[in-house]
Amino acid sequence: MFSLSHIAELKGLPLMRKIKLLFFALLFAFASGAHAQSPADAAAIKQTALDYIEGWYEGNAERMERALHPELAKRIVRTNKDGMSSLNQMSAMTLVQGTKAGYGKKIPKEKQQKDVTILDVFENAASVKVVASDWVDYLQMAKWNGRWVIVNVLWELKPKEK
């Protein structure tokens, strides 16, 4: 990063050149911060992730549905014993129905892990990692009609404990 201390080190440069460099350094600093997430967006992104994972554990289909874009795709790559991979997919409706059926409620409360990490936010897109009891979800979110929703999920099962 270019700073004011760097300008002092630019001996031999004309004053106008130093001022121009300072101007561009400040412009770059402001431009790079223009796309940073706001505290409100960060809170909304985290809440969406919690609605998703806590909704699953609670069997609360309303929370789950609120977190999802209607065209969500949740995918996992499965590899068989011969090394052949297949892509399994769930839709938003499948996930909401599974939540409503209470599949997540079968996980004991003491095992209900729900660690949420916002990995990146740019404009209206976000990547979020959710570490759950038996799996890890990588969520792609979009700000859609003014609220953050999950558009894609790529997930992986945790290795079984031996």
C-alpha atoms as a PDB file:
ATOM      1  CA  MET A   1       0.000   0.000   0.000  1.00  0.00           C
ATOM      2  CA  PHE A   2       1.201   3.460  -0.843  1.00  0.00           C
ATOM      3  CA  SER A   3       1.185   5.875   2.127  1.00  0.00           C
ATOM      4  CA  LEU A   4       2.197   9.397   3.049  1.00  0.00           C
ATOM      5  CA  SER A   5       5.532   8.111   4.341  1.00  0.00           C
ATOM      6  CA  HIS A   6       6.287   6.850   0.841  1.00  0.00           C
ATOM      7  CA  ILE A   7       5.872  10.368  -0.545  1.00  0.00           C
ATOM      8  CA  ALA A   8       8.539  11.709   1.809  1.00  0.00           C
ATOM      9  CA  GLU A   9      10.864   9.012   0.502  1.00  0.00           C
ATOM     10  CA  LEU A  10      10.442  10.169  -3.098  1.00  0.00           C
ATOM     11  CA  LYS A  11      13.396  12.517  -3.065  1.00  0.00           C
ATOM     12  CA  GLY A  12      14.126  14.328  -6.246  1.00  0.00           C
ATOM     13  CA  LEU A  13      10.565  14.259  -7.556  1.00  0.00           C
ATOM     14  CA  PRO A  14       8.898  17.609  -8.267  1.00  0.00           C
ATOM     15  CA  LEU A  15       6.231  18.713  -5.813  1.00  0.00           C
ATOM     16  CA  MET A  16       3.450  18.409  -8.428  1.00  0.00           C
ATOM     17  CA  ARG A  17       4.451  14.799  -9.115  1.00  0.00           C
ATOM     18  CA  LYS A  18       4.313  14.045  -5.379  1.00  0.00           C
ATOM     19  CA  ILE A  19       0.860  15.649  -5.131  1.00  0.00           C
ATOM     20  CA  LYS A  20      -0.387  13.597  -8.095  1.00  0.00           C
ATOM     21  CA  LEU A  21       0.937  10.403  -6.515  1.00  0.00           C
ATOM     22  CA  LEU A  22      -0.774  11.296  -3.237  1.00  0.00           C
ATOM     23  CA  PHE A  23      -4.032  11.991  -5.087  1.00  0.00           C
ATOM     24  CA  PHE A  24      -3.932   8.605  -6.846  1.00  0.00           C
ATOM     25  CA  ALA A  25      -2.995   6.809  -3.626  1.00  0.00           C
ATOM     26  CA  LEU A  26      -5.993   8.350  -1.856  1.00  0.00           C
ATOM     27  CA  LEU A  27      -8.261   7.645  -4.814  1.00  0.00           C
ATOM     28  CA  PHE A  28      -7.162   4.000  -4.800  1.00  0.00           C
ATOM     29  CA  ALA A  29      -7.708   3.724  -1.041  1.00  0.00           C
ATOM     30  CA  PHE A  30     -11.255   5.080  -1.282  1.00  0.00           C
ATOM     31  CA  ALA A  31     -12.109   3.034  -4.373  1.00  0.00           C
ATOM     32  CA  SER A  32     -10.930  -0.226  -2.832  1.00  0.00           C
ATOM     33  CA  GLY A  33     -13.077   0.370   0.259  1.00  0.00           C
ATOM     34  CA  ALA A  34     -16.177   1.246  -1.750  1.00  0.00           C
ATOM     35  CA  HIS A  35     -17.116  -2.391  -2.211  1.00  0.00           C
ATOM     36  CA  ALA A  36     -16.623  -3.486   1.391  1.00  0.00           C
ATOM     37  CA  GLN A  37     -19.564  -4.935   3.257  1.00  0.00           C
ATOM     38  CA  SER A  38     -21.587  -2.735   5.541  1.00  0.00           C
ATOM     39  CA  PRO A  39     -22.262  -3.855   9.106  1.00  0.00           C
ATOM     40  CA  ALA A  40     -25.945  -4.219   8.154  1.00  0.00           C
ATOM     41  CA  ASP A  41     -25.072  -6.499   5.226  1.00  0.00           C
ATOM     42  CA  ALA A  42     -22.721  -8.583   7.381  1.00  0.00           C
ATOM     43  CA  ALA A  43     -25.482  -9.034   9.987  1.00  0.00           C
ATOM     44  CA  ALA A  44     -28.054  -9.923   7.314  1.00  0.00           C
ATOM     45  CA  ILE A  45     -25.687 -12.419   5.651  1.00  0.00           C
ATOM     46  CA  LYS A  46     -24.979 -14.111   8.988  1.00  0.00           C
ATOM     47  CA  GLN A  47     -28.688 -14.180   9.862  1.00  0.00           C
ATOM     48  CA  THR A  48     -29.490 -15.813   6.517  1.00  0.00           C
ATOM     49  CA  ALA A  49     -26.890 -18.516   7.198  1.00  0.00           C
ATOM     50  CA  LEU A  50     -28.306 -19.042  10.703  1.00  0.00           C
ATOM     51  CA  ASP A  51     -31.886 -19.221   9.373  1.00  0.00           C
ATOM     52  CA  TYR A  52     -30.630 -21.952   7.058  1.00  0.00           C
ATOM     53  CA  ILE A  53     -28.743 -24.111   9.575  1.00  0.00           C
ATOM     54  CA  GLU A  54     -30.845 -23.404  12.686  1.00  0.00           C
ATOM     55  CA  GLY A  55     -34.018 -23.807  10.632  1.00  0.00           C
ATOM     56  CA  TRP A  56     -32.746 -27.257   9.599  1.00  0.00           C
ATOM     57  CA  TYR A  57     -31.987 -28.289  13.190  1.00  0.00           C
ATOM     58  CA  GLU A  58     -35.297 -26.885  14.494  1.00  0.00           C
ATOM     59  CA  GLY A  59     -37.415 -28.367  11.724  1.00  0.00           C
ATOM     60  CA  ASN A  60     -38.542 -24.794  11.006  1.00  0.00           C
ATOM     61  CA  ALA A  61     -39.480 -24.775   7.312  1.00  0.00           C
ATOM     62  CA  GLU A  62     -40.335 -21.041   7.422  1.00  0.00           C
ATOM     63  CA  ARG A  63     -36.789 -20.102   8.485  1.00  0.00           C
ATOM     64  CA  MET A  64     -35.308 -22.413   5.874  1.00  0.00           C
ATOM     65  CA  GLU A  65     -37.525 -21.072   3.103  1.00  0.00           C
ATOM     66  CA  ARG A  66     -36.766 -17.469   4.093  1.00  0.00           C
ATOM     67  CA  ALA A  67     -33.031 -18.184   3.692  1.00  0.00           C
ATOM     68  CA  LEU A  68     -33.283 -19.712   0.212  1.00  0.00           C
ATOM     69  CA  HIS A  69     -33.713 -18.348  -3.290  1.00  0.00           C
ATOM     70  CA  PRO A  70     -36.544 -20.343  -4.923  1.00  0.00           C
ATOM     71  CA  GLU A  71     -34.118 -21.610  -7.586  1.00  0.00           C
ATOM     72  CA  LEU A  72     -31.471 -22.777  -5.106  1.00  0.00           C
ATOM     73  CA  ALA A  73     -29.240 -25.691  -6.077  1.00  0.00           C
ATOM     74  CA  LYS A  74     -27.565 -27.626  -3.253  1.00  0.00           C
ATOM     75  CA  ARG A  75     -24.974 -30.039  -4.592  1.00  0.00           C
ATOM     76  CA  ILE A  76     -22.507 -32.648  -3.386  1.00  0.00           C
ATOM     77  CA  VAL A  77     -19.962 -34.657  -5.347  1.00  0.00           C
ATOM     78  CA  ARG A  78     -20.081 -38.355  -4.471  1.00  0.00           C
ATOM     79  CA  THR A  79     -17.294 -40.686  -5.555  1.00  0.00           C
ATOM     80  CA  ASN A  80     -17.836 -44.449  -5.607  1.00  0.00           C
ATOM     81  CA  LYS A  81     -15.297 -47.170  -4.779  1.00  0.00           C
ATOM     82  CA  ASP A  82     -14.183 -47.229  -8.447  1.00  0.00           C
ATOM     83  CA  GLY A  83     -13.293 -43.523  -8.350  1.00  0.00           C
ATOM     84  CA  MET A  84     -16.246 -42.453 -10.501  1.00  0.00           C
ATOM     85  CA  SER A  85     -17.901 -39.214  -9.382  1.00  0.00           C
ATOM     86  CA  SER A  86     -21.508 -38.138  -9.617  1.00  0.00           C
ATOM     87  CA  LEU A  87     -23.186 -34.861  -8.749  1.00  0.00           C
ATOM     88  CA  ASN A  88     -26.206 -35.132  -6.455  1.00  0.00           C
ATOM     89  CA  GLN A  89     -28.520 -32.155  -6.190  1.00  0.00           C
ATOM     90  CA  MET A  90     -31.311 -30.844  -3.981  1.00  0.00           C
ATOM     91  CA  SER A  91     -33.670 -28.014  -4.875  1.00  0.00           C
ATOM     92  CA  ALA A  92     -35.039 -25.359  -2.540  1.00  0.00           C
ATOM     93  CA  MET A  93     -38.332 -27.247  -2.346  1.00  0.00           C
ATOM     94  CA  THR A  94     -36.591 -30.523  -1.452  1.00  0.00           C
ATOM     95  CA  LEU A  95     -34.623 -28.784   1.303  1.00  0.00           C
ATOM     96  CA  VAL A  96     -37.718 -27.038   2.703  1.00  0.00           C
ATOM     97  CA  GLN A  97     -39.694 -30.307   2.667  1.00  0.00           C
ATOM     98  CA  GLY A  98     -36.837 -32.158   4.396  1.00  0.00           C
ATOM     99  CA  THR A  99     -36.751 -29.426   7.028  1.00  0.00           C
ATOM    100  CA  LYS A 100     -40.520 -29.631   7.497  1.00  0.00           C
ATOM    101  CA  ALA A 101     -40.240 -33.429   7.876  1.00  0.00           C
ATOM    102  CA  GLY A 102     -37.873 -32.797  10.806  1.00  0.00           C
ATOM    103  CA  TYR A 103     -34.772 -34.624   9.547  1.00  0.00           C
ATOM    104  CA  GLY A 104     -32.525 -32.044  11.235  1.00  0.00           C
ATOM    105  CA  LYS A 105     -34.328 -32.493  14.566  1.00  0.00           C
ATOM    106  CA  LYS A 106     -32.854 -35.997  14.781  1.00  0.00           C
ATOM    107  CA  ILE A 107     -29.443 -34.457  15.532  1.00  0.00           C
ATOM    108  CA  PRO A 108     -29.061 -34.072  19.320  1.00  0.00           C
ATOM    109  CA  LYS A 109     -28.766 -30.456  20.498  1.00  0.00           C
ATOM    110  CA  GLU A 110     -25.280 -31.037  21.914  1.00  0.00           C
ATOM    111  CA  LYS A 111     -24.084 -32.113  18.441  1.00  0.00           C
ATOM    112  CA  GLN A 112     -25.726 -29.241  16.540  1.00  0.00           C
ATOM    113  CA  GLN A 113     -22.712 -27.315  15.299  1.00  0.00           C
ATOM    114  CA  LYS A 114     -23.481 -24.082  13.443  1.00  0.00           C
ATOM    115  CA  ASP A 115     -20.271 -22.125  12.886  1.00  0.00           C
ATOM    116  CA  VAL A 116     -20.762 -19.341  10.327  1.00  0.00           C
ATOM    117  CA  THR A 117     -17.844 -17.606   8.592  1.00  0.00           C
ATOM    118  CA  ILE A 118     -18.321 -14.897   5.973  1.00  0.00           C
ATOM    119  CA  LEU A 119     -15.533 -15.588   3.479  1.00  0.00           C
ATOM    120  CA  ASP A 120     -16.079 -12.727   1.041  1.00  0.00           C
ATOM    121  CA  VAL A 121     -18.584 -10.038   0.067  1.00  0.00           C
ATOM    122  CA  PHE A 122     -18.547  -7.977  -3.107  1.00  0.00           C
ATOM    123  CA  GLU A 123     -21.469  -5.755  -4.008  1.00  0.00           C
ATOM    124  CA  ASN A 124     -24.505  -8.086  -4.033  1.00  0.00           C
ATOM    125  CA  ALA A 125     -22.627 -11.395  -3.793  1.00  0.00           C
ATOM    126  CA  ALA A 126     -21.286 -13.232  -0.761  1.00  0.00           C
ATOM    127  CA  SER A 127     -19.534 -16.513   0.022  1.00  0.00           C
ATOM    128  CA  VAL A 128     -20.150 -18.070   3.424  1.00  0.00           C
ATOM    129  CA  LYS A 129     -18.895 -21.234   5.111  1.00  0.00           C
ATOM    130  CA  VAL A 130     -21.150 -23.090   7.540  1.00  0.00           C
ATOM    131  CA  VAL A 131     -19.642 -25.895   9.584  1.00  0.00           C
ATOM    132  CA  ALA A 132     -22.478 -28.146  10.767  1.00  0.00           C
ATOM    133  CA  SER A 133     -22.564 -31.323  12.823  1.00  0.00           C
ATOM    134  CA  ASP A 134     -21.710 -33.827  10.076  1.00  0.00           C
ATOM    135  CA  TRP A 135     -20.991 -31.650   7.044  1.00  0.00           C
ATOM    136  CA  VAL A 136     -19.563 -28.378   5.745  1.00  0.00           C
ATOM    137  CA  ASP A 137     -21.612 -26.102   3.471  1.00  0.00           C
ATOM    138  CA  TYR A 138     -20.192 -23.439   1.166  1.00  0.00           C
ATOM    139  CA  LEU A 139     -23.010 -20.971   0.536  1.00  0.00           C
ATOM    140  CA  GLN A 140     -23.181 -18.506  -2.309  1.00  0.00           C
ATOM    141  CA  MET A 141     -25.570 -15.698  -1.467  1.00  0.00           C
ATOM    142  CA  ALA A 142     -27.048 -12.866  -3.461  1.00  0.00           C
ATOM    143  CA  LYS A 143     -28.812  -9.714  -2.380  1.00  0.00           C
ATOM    144  CA  TRP A 144     -32.100 -10.332  -4.146  1.00  0.00           C
ATOM    145  CA  ASN A 145     -34.995  -7.883  -3.911  1.00  0.00           C
ATOM    146  CA  GLY A 146     -33.234  -6.168  -1.026  1.00  0.00           C
ATOM    147  CA  ARG A 147     -32.495  -9.232   1.108  1.00  0.00           C
ATOM    148  CA  TRP A 148     -29.718 -11.800   1.262  1.00  0.00           C
ATOM    149  CA  VAL A 149     -30.687 -15.289   0.089  1.00  0.00           C
ATOM    150  CA  ILE A 150     -28.770 -18.481  -0.618  1.00  0.00           C
ATOM    151  CA  VAL A 151     -28.533 -19.245  -4.324  1.00  0.00           C
ATOM    152  CA  ASN A 152     -26.057 -22.161  -4.356  1.00  0.00           C
ATOM    153  CA  VAL A 153     -24.653 -24.593  -1.816  1.00  0.00           C
ATOM    154  CA  LEU A 154     -21.726 -26.934  -2.385  1.00  0.00           C
ATOM    155  CA  TRP A 155     -21.358 -29.283   0.551  1.00  0.00           C
ATOM    156  CA  GLU A 156     -19.170 -32.080   1.790  1.00  0.00           C
ATOM    157  CA  LEU A 157     -19.652 -34.674   4.525  1.00  0.00           C
ATOM    158  CA  LYS A 158     -17.164 -34.710   7.363  1.00  0.00           C
ATOM    159  CA  PRO A 159     -15.152 -37.933   7.685  1.00  0.00           C
ATOM    160  CA  LYS A 160     -16.745 -40.445  10.048  1.00  0.00           C
ATOM    161  CA  GLU A 161     -15.034 -40.741  13.424  1.00  0.00           C
ATOM    162  CA  LYS A 162     -13.487 -44.160  13.962  1.00  0.00           C
END
